[in-house]
Amino acid sequence: MFSQFLRNTFIATTLALPLVPLASQSVLADDRRDFLVYNNNELEITQLYVSSAKSDYWGRNVLQSDIVSGRSDVIRFNNNSNQCNYDIKAIYSDGTYDLGRADLCKTYEITFYGHGGDYK
């Protein structure tokens, strides 16, 4: 009886494992413009601003908490716009910043490199 339980548990686990990558991809599925910000810089990203490429206004800081070196955070959209091109401004703990532009309808990850000035 115990061996049958182990066998059933093993089968259930084996069948469930392929679903794990699908679950992590669905994190970004709420809005096609949701994206992952990865900090590949030795400084913390303390503020992040995302603004329509057509706007002169940055709006509010969209980070819930700082993004330390080697970590990432998901940025989610909650507006009804169909806009795809956005400017992104990351401000680091020493006050330096990086600027970039991305088509967020086609990009799902943005990485910040360097010590203020490198964006990819």
PDB file of N, CA and C in Angstrom:
ATOM      1  N   MET A   1       0.821  -1.190   0.000  1.00  0.00           N
ATOM      2  CA  MET A   1       0.000   0.000   0.000  1.00  0.00           C
ATOM      3  C   MET A   1       0.870   1.262   0.000  1.00  0.00           C
ATOM      4  N   PHE A   2       1.907   1.288   0.841  1.00  0.00           N
ATOM      5  CA  PHE A   2       2.801   2.435   0.895  1.00  0.00           C
ATOM      6  C   PHE A   2       3.547   2.605  -0.432  1.00  0.00           C
ATOM      7  N   SER A   3       3.963   1.493  -1.054  1.00  0.00           N
ATOM      8  CA  SER A   3       4.666   1.578  -2.332  1.00  0.00           C
ATOM      9  C   SER A   3       3.739   2.096  -3.432  1.00  0.00           C
ATOM     10  N   GLN A   4       2.451   1.757  -3.361  1.00  0.00           N
ATOM     11  CA  GLN A   4       1.495   2.275  -4.338  1.00  0.00           C
ATOM     12  C   GLN A   4       1.342   3.795  -4.151  1.00  0.00           C
ATOM     13  N   PHE A   5       1.321   4.255  -2.904  1.00  0.00           N
ATOM     14  CA  PHE A   5       1.267   5.689  -2.611  1.00  0.00           C
ATOM     15  C   PHE A   5       2.481   6.405  -3.194  1.00  0.00           C
ATOM     16  N   LEU A   6       3.680   5.836  -2.991  1.00  0.00           N
ATOM     17  CA  LEU A   6       4.899   6.432  -3.543  1.00  0.00           C
ATOM     18  C   LEU A   6       4.845   6.468  -5.067  1.00  0.00           C
ATOM     19  N   ARG A   7       4.386   5.364  -5.668  1.00  0.00           N
ATOM     20  CA  ARG A   7       4.305   5.303  -7.127  1.00  0.00           C
ATOM     21  C   ARG A   7       3.343   6.377  -7.639  1.00  0.00           C
ATOM     22  N   ASN A   8       2.187   6.521  -7.020  1.00  0.00           N
ATOM     23  CA  ASN A   8       1.205   7.527  -7.442  1.00  0.00           C
ATOM     24  C   ASN A   8       1.740   8.945  -7.242  1.00  0.00           C
ATOM     25  N   THR A   9       2.446   9.173  -6.149  1.00  0.00           N
ATOM     26  CA  THR A   9       3.052  10.478  -5.897  1.00  0.00           C
ATOM     27  C   THR A   9       4.102  10.789  -6.955  1.00  0.00           C
ATOM     28  N   PHE A  10       4.922   9.815  -7.296  1.00  0.00           N
ATOM     29  CA  PHE A  10       5.947   9.989  -8.320  1.00  0.00           C
ATOM     30  C   PHE A  10       5.310  10.317  -9.668  1.00  0.00           C
ATOM     31  N   ILE A  11       4.272   9.604 -10.029  1.00  0.00           N
ATOM     32  CA  ILE A  11       3.590   9.846 -11.307  1.00  0.00           C
ATOM     33  C   ILE A  11       2.973  11.241 -11.321  1.00  0.00           C
ATOM     34  N   ALA A  12       2.319  11.634 -10.248  1.00  0.00           N
ATOM     35  CA  ALA A  12       1.697  12.961 -10.181  1.00  0.00           C
ATOM     36  C   ALA A  12       2.742  14.064 -10.280  1.00  0.00           C
ATOM     37  N   THR A  13       3.875  13.878  -9.606  1.00  0.00           N
ATOM     38  CA  THR A  13       4.954  14.866  -9.659  1.00  0.00           C
ATOM     39  C   THR A  13       5.524  14.958 -11.063  1.00  0.00           C
ATOM     40  N   THR A  14       5.752  13.816 -11.691  1.00  0.00           N
ATOM     41  CA  THR A  14       6.303  13.790 -13.041  1.00  0.00           C
ATOM     42  C   THR A  14       5.375  14.486 -14.024  1.00  0.00           C
ATOM     43  N   LEU A  15       4.093  14.289 -13.881  1.00  0.00           N
ATOM     44  CA  LEU A  15       3.139  14.927 -14.783  1.00  0.00           C
ATOM     45  C   LEU A  15       3.013  16.426 -14.522  1.00  0.00           C
ATOM     46  N   ALA A  16       3.230  16.856 -13.295  1.00  0.00           N
ATOM     47  CA  ALA A  16       3.069  18.265 -12.936  1.00  0.00           C
ATOM     48  C   ALA A  16       4.288  19.108 -13.299  1.00  0.00           C
ATOM     49  N   LEU A  17       5.471  18.517 -13.379  1.00  0.00           N
ATOM     50  CA  LEU A  17       6.691  19.287 -13.630  1.00  0.00           C
ATOM     51  C   LEU A  17       6.654  20.094 -14.923  1.00  0.00           C
ATOM     52  N   PRO A  18       6.142  19.570 -16.028  1.00  0.00           N
ATOM     53  CA  PRO A  18       6.106  20.400 -17.237  1.00  0.00           C
ATOM     54  C   PRO A  18       5.249  21.647 -17.096  1.00  0.00           C
ATOM     55  N   LEU A  19       4.363  21.713 -16.131  1.00  0.00           N
ATOM     56  CA  LEU A  19       3.509  22.877 -15.940  1.00  0.00           C
ATOM     57  C   LEU A  19       4.221  24.017 -15.230  1.00  0.00           C
ATOM     58  N   VAL A  20       5.330  23.754 -14.550  1.00  0.00           N
ATOM     59  CA  VAL A  20       6.045  24.784 -13.795  1.00  0.00           C
ATOM     60  C   VAL A  20       6.508  25.920 -14.691  1.00  0.00           C
ATOM     61  N   PRO A  21       7.182  25.674 -15.850  1.00  0.00           N
ATOM     62  CA  PRO A  21       7.571  26.800 -16.700  1.00  0.00           C
ATOM     63  C   PRO A  21       6.380  27.594 -17.212  1.00  0.00           C
ATOM     64  N   LEU A  22       5.255  26.933 -17.477  1.00  0.00           N
ATOM     65  CA  LEU A  22       4.069  27.652 -17.930  1.00  0.00           C
ATOM     66  C   LEU A  22       3.558  28.589 -16.853  1.00  0.00           C
ATOM     67  N   ALA A  23       3.625  28.184 -15.621  1.00  0.00           N
ATOM     68  CA  ALA A  23       3.163  29.030 -14.527  1.00  0.00           C
ATOM     69  C   ALA A  23       4.027  30.276 -14.406  1.00  0.00           C
ATOM     70  N   SER A  24       5.347  30.148 -14.567  1.00  0.00           N
ATOM     71  CA  SER A  24       6.220  31.320 -14.440  1.00  0.00           C
ATOM     72  C   SER A  24       6.015  32.271 -15.610  1.00  0.00           C
ATOM     73  N   GLN A  25       5.690  31.774 -16.803  1.00  0.00           N
ATOM     74  CA  GLN A  25       5.426  32.648 -17.932  1.00  0.00           C
ATOM     75  C   GLN A  25       4.116  33.393 -17.754  1.00  0.00           C
ATOM     76  N   SER A  26       3.154  32.782 -17.088  1.00  0.00           N
ATOM     77  CA  SER A  26       1.866  33.430 -16.919  1.00  0.00           C
ATOM     78  C   SER A  26       1.939  34.612 -15.959  1.00  0.00           C
ATOM     79  N   VAL A  27       3.027  34.743 -15.211  1.00  0.00           N
ATOM     80  CA  VAL A  27       3.208  35.894 -14.326  1.00  0.00           C
ATOM     81  C   VAL A  27       3.148  37.183 -15.141  1.00  0.00           C
ATOM     82  N   LEU A  28       3.654  37.142 -16.370  1.00  0.00           N
ATOM     83  CA  LEU A  28       3.693  38.328 -17.209  1.00  0.00           C
ATOM     84  C   LEU A  28       2.516  38.402 -18.171  1.00  0.00           C
ATOM     85  N   ALA A  29       1.496  37.602 -18.006  1.00  0.00           N
ATOM     86  CA  ALA A  29       0.433  37.496 -18.993  1.00  0.00           C
ATOM     87  C   ALA A  29      -0.749  38.423 -18.738  1.00  0.00           C
ATOM     88  N   ASP A  30      -0.780  39.185 -17.671  1.00  0.00           N
ATOM     89  CA  ASP A  30      -1.921  40.036 -17.376  1.00  0.00           C
ATOM     90  C   ASP A  30      -2.096  41.126 -18.432  1.00  0.00           C
ATOM     91  N   ASP A  31      -1.028  41.713 -18.876  1.00  0.00           N
ATOM     92  CA  ASP A  31      -1.034  42.753 -19.898  1.00  0.00           C
ATOM     93  C   ASP A  31       0.176  42.481 -20.776  1.00  0.00           C
ATOM     94  N   ARG A  32       0.020  42.577 -22.064  1.00  0.00           N
ATOM     95  CA  ARG A  32       1.149  42.248 -22.952  1.00  0.00           C
ATOM     96  C   ARG A  32       2.347  43.160 -22.731  1.00  0.00           C
ATOM     97  N   ARG A  33       2.145  44.297 -22.076  1.00  0.00           N
ATOM     98  CA  ARG A  33       3.248  45.221 -21.816  1.00  0.00           C
ATOM     99  C   ARG A  33       3.931  44.995 -20.480  1.00  0.00           C
ATOM    100  N   ASP A  34       3.409  44.099 -19.649  1.00  0.00           N
ATOM    101  CA  ASP A  34       4.094  43.766 -18.398  1.00  0.00           C
ATOM    102  C   ASP A  34       5.497  43.276 -18.738  1.00  0.00           C
ATOM    103  N   PHE A  35       6.472  43.644 -17.922  1.00  0.00           N
ATOM    104  CA  PHE A  35       7.842  43.232 -18.228  1.00  0.00           C
ATOM    105  C   PHE A  35       8.644  43.020 -16.963  1.00  0.00           C
ATOM    106  N   LEU A  36       9.756  42.342 -17.130  1.00  0.00           N
ATOM    107  CA  LEU A  36      10.679  42.037 -16.041  1.00  0.00           C
ATOM    108  C   LEU A  36      11.859  42.988 -16.137  1.00  0.00           C
ATOM    109  N   VAL A  37      12.198  43.649 -15.026  1.00  0.00           N
ATOM    110  CA  VAL A  37      13.379  44.511 -14.965  1.00  0.00           C
ATOM    111  C   VAL A  37      14.450  43.749 -14.205  1.00  0.00           C
ATOM    112  N   TYR A  38      15.596  43.565 -14.856  1.00  0.00           N
ATOM    113  CA  TYR A  38      16.706  42.853 -14.226  1.00  0.00           C
ATOM    114  C   TYR A  38      17.839  43.842 -13.969  1.00  0.00           C
ATOM    115  N   ASN A  39      18.374  43.838 -12.751  1.00  0.00           N
ATOM    116  CA  ASN A  39      19.464  44.730 -12.382  1.00  0.00           C
ATOM    117  C   ASN A  39      20.788  43.967 -12.439  1.00  0.00           C
ATOM    118  N   ASN A  40      21.569  44.226 -13.473  1.00  0.00           N
ATOM    119  CA  ASN A  40      22.888  43.604 -13.632  1.00  0.00           C
ATOM    120  C   ASN A  40      23.955  44.662 -13.357  1.00  0.00           C
ATOM    121  N   ASN A  41      23.745  45.434 -12.324  1.00  0.00           N
ATOM    122  CA  ASN A  41      24.595  46.548 -11.943  1.00  0.00           C
ATOM    123  C   ASN A  41      24.972  46.344 -10.479  1.00  0.00           C
ATOM    124  N   GLU A  42      26.128  46.863 -10.075  1.00  0.00           N
ATOM    125  CA  GLU A  42      26.513  46.692  -8.674  1.00  0.00           C
ATOM    126  C   GLU A  42      25.721  47.612  -7.736  1.00  0.00           C
ATOM    127  N   LEU A  43      25.012  48.581  -8.289  1.00  0.00           N
ATOM    128  CA  LEU A  43      24.197  49.496  -7.492  1.00  0.00           C
ATOM    129  C   LEU A  43      22.743  49.045  -7.469  1.00  0.00           C
ATOM    130  N   GLU A  44      22.026  49.409  -6.411  1.00  0.00           N
ATOM    131  CA  GLU A  44      20.599  49.118  -6.339  1.00  0.00           C
ATOM    132  C   GLU A  44      19.833  50.083  -7.239  1.00  0.00           C
ATOM    133  N   ILE A  45      18.799  49.585  -7.871  1.00  0.00           N
ATOM    134  CA  ILE A  45      17.847  50.463  -8.553  1.00  0.00           C
ATOM    135  C   ILE A  45      16.830  50.862  -7.493  1.00  0.00           C
ATOM    136  N   THR A  46      16.790  52.158  -7.198  1.00  0.00           N
ATOM    137  CA  THR A  46      15.917  52.633  -6.123  1.00  0.00           C
ATOM    138  C   THR A  46      14.607  53.211  -6.643  1.00  0.00           C
ATOM    139  N   GLN A  47      14.605  53.629  -7.904  1.00  0.00           N
ATOM    140  CA  GLN A  47      13.397  54.182  -8.509  1.00  0.00           C
ATOM    141  C   GLN A  47      13.347  53.758  -9.970  1.00  0.00           C
ATOM    142  N   LEU A  48      12.144  53.535 -10.473  1.00  0.00           N
ATOM    143  CA  LEU A  48      11.968  53.184 -11.876  1.00  0.00           C
ATOM    144  C   LEU A  48      10.732  53.911 -12.389  1.00  0.00           C
ATOM    145  N   TYR A  49      10.904  54.605 -13.496  1.00  0.00           N
ATOM    146  CA  TYR A  49       9.814  55.358 -14.097  1.00  0.00           C
ATOM    147  C   TYR A  49       9.574  54.820 -15.505  1.00  0.00           C
ATOM    148  N   VAL A  50       8.311  54.641 -15.857  1.00  0.00           N
ATOM    149  CA  VAL A  50       7.925  54.165 -17.176  1.00  0.00           C
ATOM    150  C   VAL A  50       6.908  55.157 -17.718  1.00  0.00           C
ATOM    151  N   SER A  51       7.226  55.722 -18.889  1.00  0.00           N
ATOM    152  CA  SER A  51       6.377  56.752 -19.459  1.00  0.00           C
ATOM    153  C   SER A  51       6.191  56.505 -20.943  1.00  0.00           C
ATOM    154  N   SER A  52       5.041  56.838 -21.452  1.00  0.00           N
ATOM    155  CA  SER A  52       4.812  56.746 -22.890  1.00  0.00           C
ATOM    156  C   SER A  52       5.901  57.532 -23.615  1.00  0.00           C
ATOM    157  N   ALA A  53       6.373  56.996 -24.707  1.00  0.00           N
ATOM    158  CA  ALA A  53       7.411  57.682 -25.482  1.00  0.00           C
ATOM    159  C   ALA A  53       6.912  59.030 -26.004  1.00  0.00           C
ATOM    160  N   LYS A  54       5.607  59.218 -26.050  1.00  0.00           N
ATOM    161  CA  LYS A  54       5.008  60.464 -26.533  1.00  0.00           C
ATOM    162  C   LYS A  54       4.830  61.501 -25.431  1.00  0.00           C
ATOM    163  N   SER A  55       5.114  61.126 -24.186  1.00  0.00           N
ATOM    164  CA  SER A  55       4.848  61.998 -23.048  1.00  0.00           C
ATOM    165  C   SER A  55       6.115  62.707 -22.576  1.00  0.00           C
ATOM    166  N   ASP A  56       5.930  63.894 -22.008  1.00  0.00           N
ATOM    167  CA  ASP A  56       7.025  64.633 -21.376  1.00  0.00           C
ATOM    168  C   ASP A  56       6.996  64.459 -19.861  1.00  0.00           C
ATOM    169  N   TYR A  57       6.103  63.630 -19.352  1.00  0.00           N
ATOM    170  CA  TYR A  57       5.872  63.460 -17.925  1.00  0.00           C
ATOM    171  C   TYR A  57       6.236  62.034 -17.518  1.00  0.00           C
ATOM    172  N   TRP A  58       7.069  61.898 -16.467  1.00  0.00           N
ATOM    173  CA  TRP A  58       7.491  60.579 -16.013  1.00  0.00           C
ATOM    174  C   TRP A  58       6.459  59.880 -15.146  1.00  0.00           C
ATOM    175  N   GLY A  59       5.660  60.608 -14.423  1.00  0.00           N
ATOM    176  CA  GLY A  59       4.698  59.957 -13.536  1.00  0.00           C
ATOM    177  C   GLY A  59       5.357  59.524 -12.237  1.00  0.00           C
ATOM    178  N   ARG A  60       4.798  58.483 -11.617  1.00  0.00           N
ATOM    179  CA  ARG A  60       5.283  58.041 -10.304  1.00  0.00           C
ATOM    180  C   ARG A  60       6.284  56.898 -10.437  1.00  0.00           C
ATOM    181  N   ASN A  61       7.049  56.705  -9.374  1.00  0.00           N
ATOM    182  CA  ASN A  61       7.973  55.577  -9.274  1.00  0.00           C
ATOM    183  C   ASN A  61       7.138  54.295  -9.235  1.00  0.00           C
ATOM    184  N   VAL A  62       7.435  53.325 -10.125  1.00  0.00           N
ATOM    185  CA  VAL A  62       6.620  52.109 -10.214  1.00  0.00           C
ATOM    186  C   VAL A  62       7.168  50.950  -9.384  1.00  0.00           C
ATOM    187  N   LEU A  63       8.299  51.150  -8.695  1.00  0.00           N
ATOM    188  CA  LEU A  63       8.868  50.067  -7.887  1.00  0.00           C
ATOM    189  C   LEU A  63       8.183  49.977  -6.526  1.00  0.00           C
ATOM    190  N   GLN A  64       7.942  48.756  -6.098  1.00  0.00           N
ATOM    191  CA  GLN A  64       7.424  48.521  -4.747  1.00  0.00           C
ATOM    192  C   GLN A  64       8.573  48.525  -3.737  1.00  0.00           C
ATOM    193  N   SER A  65       9.764  48.077  -4.186  1.00  0.00           N
ATOM    194  CA  SER A  65      10.962  48.073  -3.348  1.00  0.00           C
ATOM    195  C   SER A  65      12.180  48.126  -4.261  1.00  0.00           C
ATOM    196  N   ASP A  66      13.335  48.430  -3.681  1.00  0.00           N
ATOM    197  CA  ASP A  66      14.571  48.522  -4.457  1.00  0.00           C
ATOM    198  C   ASP A  66      14.889  47.183  -5.118  1.00  0.00           C
ATOM    199  N   ILE A  67      15.557  47.254  -6.272  1.00  0.00           N
ATOM    200  CA  ILE A  67      16.021  46.045  -6.946  1.00  0.00           C
ATOM    201  C   ILE A  67      17.526  45.976  -6.744  1.00  0.00           C
ATOM    202  N   VAL A  68      17.971  45.059  -5.913  1.00  0.00           N
ATOM    203  CA  VAL A  68      19.403  44.924  -5.622  1.00  0.00           C
ATOM    204  C   VAL A  68      20.104  44.244  -6.793  1.00  0.00           C
ATOM    205  N   SER A  69      21.411  44.339  -6.799  1.00  0.00           N
ATOM    206  CA  SER A  69      22.225  43.749  -7.854  1.00  0.00           C
ATOM    207  C   SER A  69      21.913  42.259  -8.011  1.00  0.00           C
ATOM    208  N   GLY A  70      21.729  41.828  -9.258  1.00  0.00           N
ATOM    209  CA  GLY A  70      21.465  40.426  -9.539  1.00  0.00           C
ATOM    210  C   GLY A  70      20.018  40.007  -9.361  1.00  0.00           C
ATOM    211  N   ARG A  71      19.131  40.932  -9.047  1.00  0.00           N
ATOM    212  CA  ARG A  71      17.720  40.608  -8.822  1.00  0.00           C
ATOM    213  C   ARG A  71      16.838  41.257  -9.882  1.00  0.00           C
ATOM    214  N   SER A  72      15.584  40.885  -9.877  1.00  0.00           N
ATOM    215  CA  SER A  72      14.639  41.432 -10.843  1.00  0.00           C
ATOM    216  C   SER A  72      13.301  41.720 -10.167  1.00  0.00           C
ATOM    217  N   ASP A  73      12.455  42.425 -10.892  1.00  0.00           N
ATOM    218  CA  ASP A  73      11.110  42.721 -10.413  1.00  0.00           C
ATOM    219  C   ASP A  73      10.195  42.791 -11.631  1.00  0.00           C
ATOM    220  N   VAL A  74       8.941  42.438 -11.454  1.00  0.00           N
ATOM    221  CA  VAL A  74       7.956  42.494 -12.525  1.00  0.00           C
ATOM    222  C   VAL A  74       7.239  43.833 -12.460  1.00  0.00           C
ATOM    223  N   ILE A  75       7.169  44.496 -13.604  1.00  0.00           N
ATOM    224  CA  ILE A  75       6.444  45.759 -13.706  1.00  0.00           C
ATOM    225  C   ILE A  75       5.148  45.463 -14.451  1.00  0.00           C
ATOM    226  N   ARG A  76       4.036  45.817 -13.830  1.00  0.00           N
ATOM    227  CA  ARG A  76       2.721  45.514 -14.399  1.00  0.00           C
ATOM    228  C   ARG A  76       2.002  46.790 -14.822  1.00  0.00           C
ATOM    229  N   PHE A  77       1.288  46.694 -15.908  1.00  0.00           N
ATOM    230  CA  PHE A  77       0.480  47.798 -16.401  1.00  0.00           C
ATOM    231  C   PHE A  77      -0.954  47.610 -15.948  1.00  0.00           C
ATOM    232  N   ASN A  78      -1.639  48.714 -15.735  1.00  0.00           N
ATOM    233  CA  ASN A  78      -3.050  48.647 -15.365  1.00  0.00           C
ATOM    234  C   ASN A  78      -3.834  49.782 -16.009  1.00  0.00           C
ATOM    235  N   ASN A  79      -3.501  50.068 -17.258  1.00  0.00           N
ATOM    236  CA  ASN A  79      -4.289  51.069 -17.972  1.00  0.00           C
ATOM    237  C   ASN A  79      -4.821  50.462 -19.264  1.00  0.00           C
ATOM    238  N   ASN A  80      -5.743  51.144 -19.899  1.00  0.00           N
ATOM    239  CA  ASN A  80      -6.405  50.617 -21.086  1.00  0.00           C
ATOM    240  C   ASN A  80      -5.754  51.063 -22.386  1.00  0.00           C
ATOM    241  N   SER A  81      -4.610  51.683 -22.315  1.00  0.00           N
ATOM    242  CA  SER A  81      -3.928  52.178 -23.495  1.00  0.00           C
ATOM    243  C   SER A  81      -3.447  51.016 -24.366  1.00  0.00           C
ATOM    244  N   ASN A  82      -3.358  51.253 -25.647  1.00  0.00           N
ATOM    245  CA  ASN A  82      -2.761  50.262 -26.542  1.00  0.00           C
ATOM    246  C   ASN A  82      -1.352  50.687 -26.957  1.00  0.00           C
ATOM    247  N   GLN A  83      -0.819  51.663 -26.249  1.00  0.00           N
ATOM    248  CA  GLN A  83       0.536  52.181 -26.482  1.00  0.00           C
ATOM    249  C   GLN A  83       1.567  51.073 -26.282  1.00  0.00           C
ATOM    250  N   CYS A  84       2.591  51.018 -27.122  1.00  0.00           N
ATOM    251  CA  CYS A  84       3.637  50.000 -26.996  1.00  0.00           C
ATOM    252  C   CYS A  84       5.014  50.585 -26.686  1.00  0.00           C
ATOM    253  N   ASN A  85       5.309  51.779 -27.189  1.00  0.00           N
ATOM    254  CA  ASN A  85       6.645  52.362 -27.021  1.00  0.00           C
ATOM    255  C   ASN A  85       6.710  53.218 -25.765  1.00  0.00           C
ATOM    256  N   TYR A  86       7.655  52.837 -24.893  1.00  0.00           N
ATOM    257  CA  TYR A  86       7.793  53.508 -23.601  1.00  0.00           C
ATOM    258  C   TYR A  86       9.242  53.880 -23.337  1.00  0.00           C
ATOM    259  N   ASP A  87       9.409  54.996 -22.630  1.00  0.00           N
ATOM    260  CA  ASP A  87      10.712  55.387 -22.101  1.00  0.00           C
ATOM    261  C   ASP A  87      10.794  54.833 -20.686  1.00  0.00           C
ATOM    262  N   ILE A  88      11.989  54.396 -20.314  1.00  0.00           N
ATOM    263  CA  ILE A  88      12.198  53.802 -18.995  1.00  0.00           C
ATOM    264  C   ILE A  88      13.408  54.475 -18.359  1.00  0.00           C
ATOM    265  N   LYS A  89      13.253  54.890 -17.120  1.00  0.00           N
ATOM    266  CA  LYS A  89      14.324  55.567 -16.391  1.00  0.00           C
ATOM    267  C   LYS A  89      14.571  54.841 -15.082  1.00  0.00           C
ATOM    268  N   ALA A  90      15.787  54.316 -14.935  1.00  0.00           N
ATOM    269  CA  ALA A  90      16.190  53.642 -13.692  1.00  0.00           C
ATOM    270  C   ALA A  90      17.131  54.567 -12.942  1.00  0.00           C
ATOM    271  N   ILE A  91      16.816  54.837 -11.688  1.00  0.00           N
ATOM    272  CA  ILE A  91      17.677  55.675 -10.845  1.00  0.00           C
ATOM    273  C   ILE A  91      18.339  54.765  -9.814  1.00  0.00           C
ATOM    274  N   TYR A  92      19.667  54.904  -9.700  1.00  0.00           N
ATOM    275  CA  TYR A  92      20.459  54.048  -8.816  1.00  0.00           C
ATOM    276  C   TYR A  92      20.670  54.704  -7.454  1.00  0.00           C
ATOM    277  N   SER A  93      21.163  53.913  -6.536  1.00  0.00           N
ATOM    278  CA  SER A  93      21.354  54.359  -5.151  1.00  0.00           C
ATOM    279  C   SER A  93      22.328  55.525  -5.029  1.00  0.00           C
ATOM    280  N   ASP A  94      23.213  55.724  -6.001  1.00  0.00           N
ATOM    281  CA  ASP A  94      24.147  56.858  -5.930  1.00  0.00           C
ATOM    282  C   ASP A  94      23.643  58.082  -6.687  1.00  0.00           C
ATOM    283  N   GLY A  95      22.401  58.017  -7.212  1.00  0.00           N
ATOM    284  CA  GLY A  95      21.813  59.156  -7.913  1.00  0.00           C
ATOM    285  C   GLY A  95      22.009  59.130  -9.414  1.00  0.00           C
ATOM    286  N   THR A  96      22.897  58.273  -9.935  1.00  0.00           N
ATOM    287  CA  THR A  96      23.043  58.171 -11.383  1.00  0.00           C
ATOM    288  C   THR A  96      21.823  57.455 -11.952  1.00  0.00           C
ATOM    289  N   TYR A  97      21.650  57.559 -13.255  1.00  0.00           N
ATOM    290  CA  TYR A  97      20.474  56.934 -13.850  1.00  0.00           C
ATOM    291  C   TYR A  97      20.763  56.468 -15.272  1.00  0.00           C
ATOM    292  N   ASP A  98      19.930  55.557 -15.736  1.00  0.00           N
ATOM    293  CA  ASP A  98      19.955  55.073 -17.106  1.00  0.00           C
ATOM    294  C   ASP A  98      18.608  55.375 -17.738  1.00  0.00           C
ATOM    295  N   LEU A  99      18.637  55.714 -19.010  1.00  0.00           N
ATOM    296  CA  LEU A  99      17.420  55.942 -19.775  1.00  0.00           C
ATOM    297  C   LEU A  99      17.384  54.958 -20.930  1.00  0.00           C
ATOM    298  N   GLY A 100      16.207  54.529 -21.278  1.00  0.00           N
ATOM    299  CA  GLY A 100      16.069  53.653 -22.427  1.00  0.00           C
ATOM    300  C   GLY A 100      14.682  53.752 -23.004  1.00  0.00           C
ATOM    301  N   ARG A 101      14.531  53.216 -24.208  1.00  0.00           N
ATOM    302  CA  ARG A 101      13.228  53.156 -24.864  1.00  0.00           C
ATOM    303  C   ARG A 101      13.010  51.727 -25.308  1.00  0.00           C
ATOM    304  N   ALA A 102      11.782  51.231 -25.129  1.00  0.00           N
ATOM    305  CA  ALA A 102      11.491  49.852 -25.510  1.00  0.00           C
ATOM    306  C   ALA A 102      10.079  49.739 -26.053  1.00  0.00           C
ATOM    307  N   ASP A 103       9.904  48.814 -26.975  1.00  0.00           N
ATOM    308  CA  ASP A 103       8.582  48.422 -27.449  1.00  0.00           C
ATOM    309  C   ASP A 103       8.114  47.322 -26.509  1.00  0.00           C
ATOM    310  N   LEU A 104       7.317  47.668 -25.539  1.00  0.00           N
ATOM    311  CA  LEU A 104       6.912  46.723 -24.507  1.00  0.00           C
ATOM    312  C   LEU A 104       5.876  45.719 -24.990  1.00  0.00           C
ATOM    313  N   CYS A 105       5.384  45.880 -26.212  1.00  0.00           N
ATOM    314  CA  CYS A 105       4.511  44.860 -26.783  1.00  0.00           C
ATOM    315  C   CYS A 105       5.335  43.696 -27.332  1.00  0.00           C
ATOM    316  N   LYS A 106       6.631  43.921 -27.532  1.00  0.00           N
ATOM    317  CA  LYS A 106       7.517  42.885 -28.072  1.00  0.00           C
ATOM    318  C   LYS A 106       8.618  42.480 -27.096  1.00  0.00           C
ATOM    319  N   THR A 107       8.819  43.269 -26.048  1.00  0.00           N
ATOM    320  CA  THR A 107       9.899  43.026 -25.087  1.00  0.00           C
ATOM    321  C   THR A 107       9.308  42.583 -23.770  1.00  0.00           C
ATOM    322  N   TYR A 108       9.835  41.521 -23.194  1.00  0.00           N
ATOM    323  CA  TYR A 108       9.326  41.080 -21.889  1.00  0.00           C
ATOM    324  C   TYR A 108      10.383  41.158 -20.802  1.00  0.00           C
ATOM    325  N   GLU A 109      11.630  41.529 -21.153  1.00  0.00           N
ATOM    326  CA  GLU A 109      12.677  41.679 -20.146  1.00  0.00           C
ATOM    327  C   GLU A 109      13.582  42.842 -20.522  1.00  0.00           C
ATOM    328  N   ILE A 110      13.881  43.676 -19.539  1.00  0.00           N
ATOM    329  CA  ILE A 110      14.809  44.789 -19.724  1.00  0.00           C
ATOM    330  C   ILE A 110      15.888  44.660 -18.666  1.00  0.00           C
ATOM    331  N   THR A 111      17.141  44.720 -19.107  1.00  0.00           N
ATOM    332  CA  THR A 111      18.272  44.580 -18.200  1.00  0.00           C
ATOM    333  C   THR A 111      19.049  45.884 -18.159  1.00  0.00           C
ATOM    334  N   PHE A 112      19.380  46.323 -16.959  1.00  0.00           N
ATOM    335  CA  PHE A 112      20.219  47.496 -16.772  1.00  0.00           C
ATOM    336  C   PHE A 112      21.611  47.042 -16.374  1.00  0.00           C
ATOM    337  N   TYR A 113      22.623  47.555 -17.097  1.00  0.00           N
ATOM    338  CA  TYR A 113      24.024  47.213 -16.885  1.00  0.00           C
ATOM    339  C   TYR A 113      24.787  48.457 -16.448  1.00  0.00           C
ATOM    340  N   GLY A 114      26.042  48.256 -16.065  1.00  0.00           N
ATOM    341  CA  GLY A 114      26.949  49.377 -15.883  1.00  0.00           C
ATOM    342  C   GLY A 114      26.736  50.175 -14.629  1.00  0.00           C
ATOM    343  N   HIS A 115      27.358  51.314 -14.618  1.00  0.00           N
ATOM    344  CA  HIS A 115      27.352  52.201 -13.461  1.00  0.00           C
ATOM    345  C   HIS A 115      26.754  53.529 -13.895  1.00  0.00           C
ATOM    346  N   GLY A 116      25.503  53.483 -14.309  1.00  0.00           N
ATOM    347  CA  GLY A 116      24.851  54.689 -14.802  1.00  0.00           C
ATOM    348  C   GLY A 116      25.265  54.948 -16.220  1.00  0.00           C
ATOM    349  N   GLY A 117      24.411  54.659 -17.158  1.00  0.00           N
ATOM    350  CA  GLY A 117      24.704  54.951 -18.548  1.00  0.00           C
ATOM    351  C   GLY A 117      24.565  53.770 -19.472  1.00  0.00           C
ATOM    352  N   ASP A 118      24.547  52.556 -18.973  1.00  0.00           N
ATOM    353  CA  ASP A 118      24.424  51.396 -19.848  1.00  0.00           C
ATOM    354  C   ASP A 118      23.061  50.748 -19.667  1.00  0.00           C
ATOM    355  N   TYR A 119      22.377  50.570 -20.778  1.00  0.00           N
ATOM    356  CA  TYR A 119      21.032  50.006 -20.777  1.00  0.00           C
ATOM    357  C   TYR A 119      20.931  49.072 -21.963  1.00  0.00           C
ATOM    358  N   LYS A 120      20.240  47.970 -21.792  1.00  0.00           N
ATOM    359  CA  LYS A 120      20.080  47.056 -22.915  1.00  0.00           C
ATOM    360  C   LYS A 120      18.712  46.438 -22.864  1.00  0.00           C
TER     361      LYS A 120
END
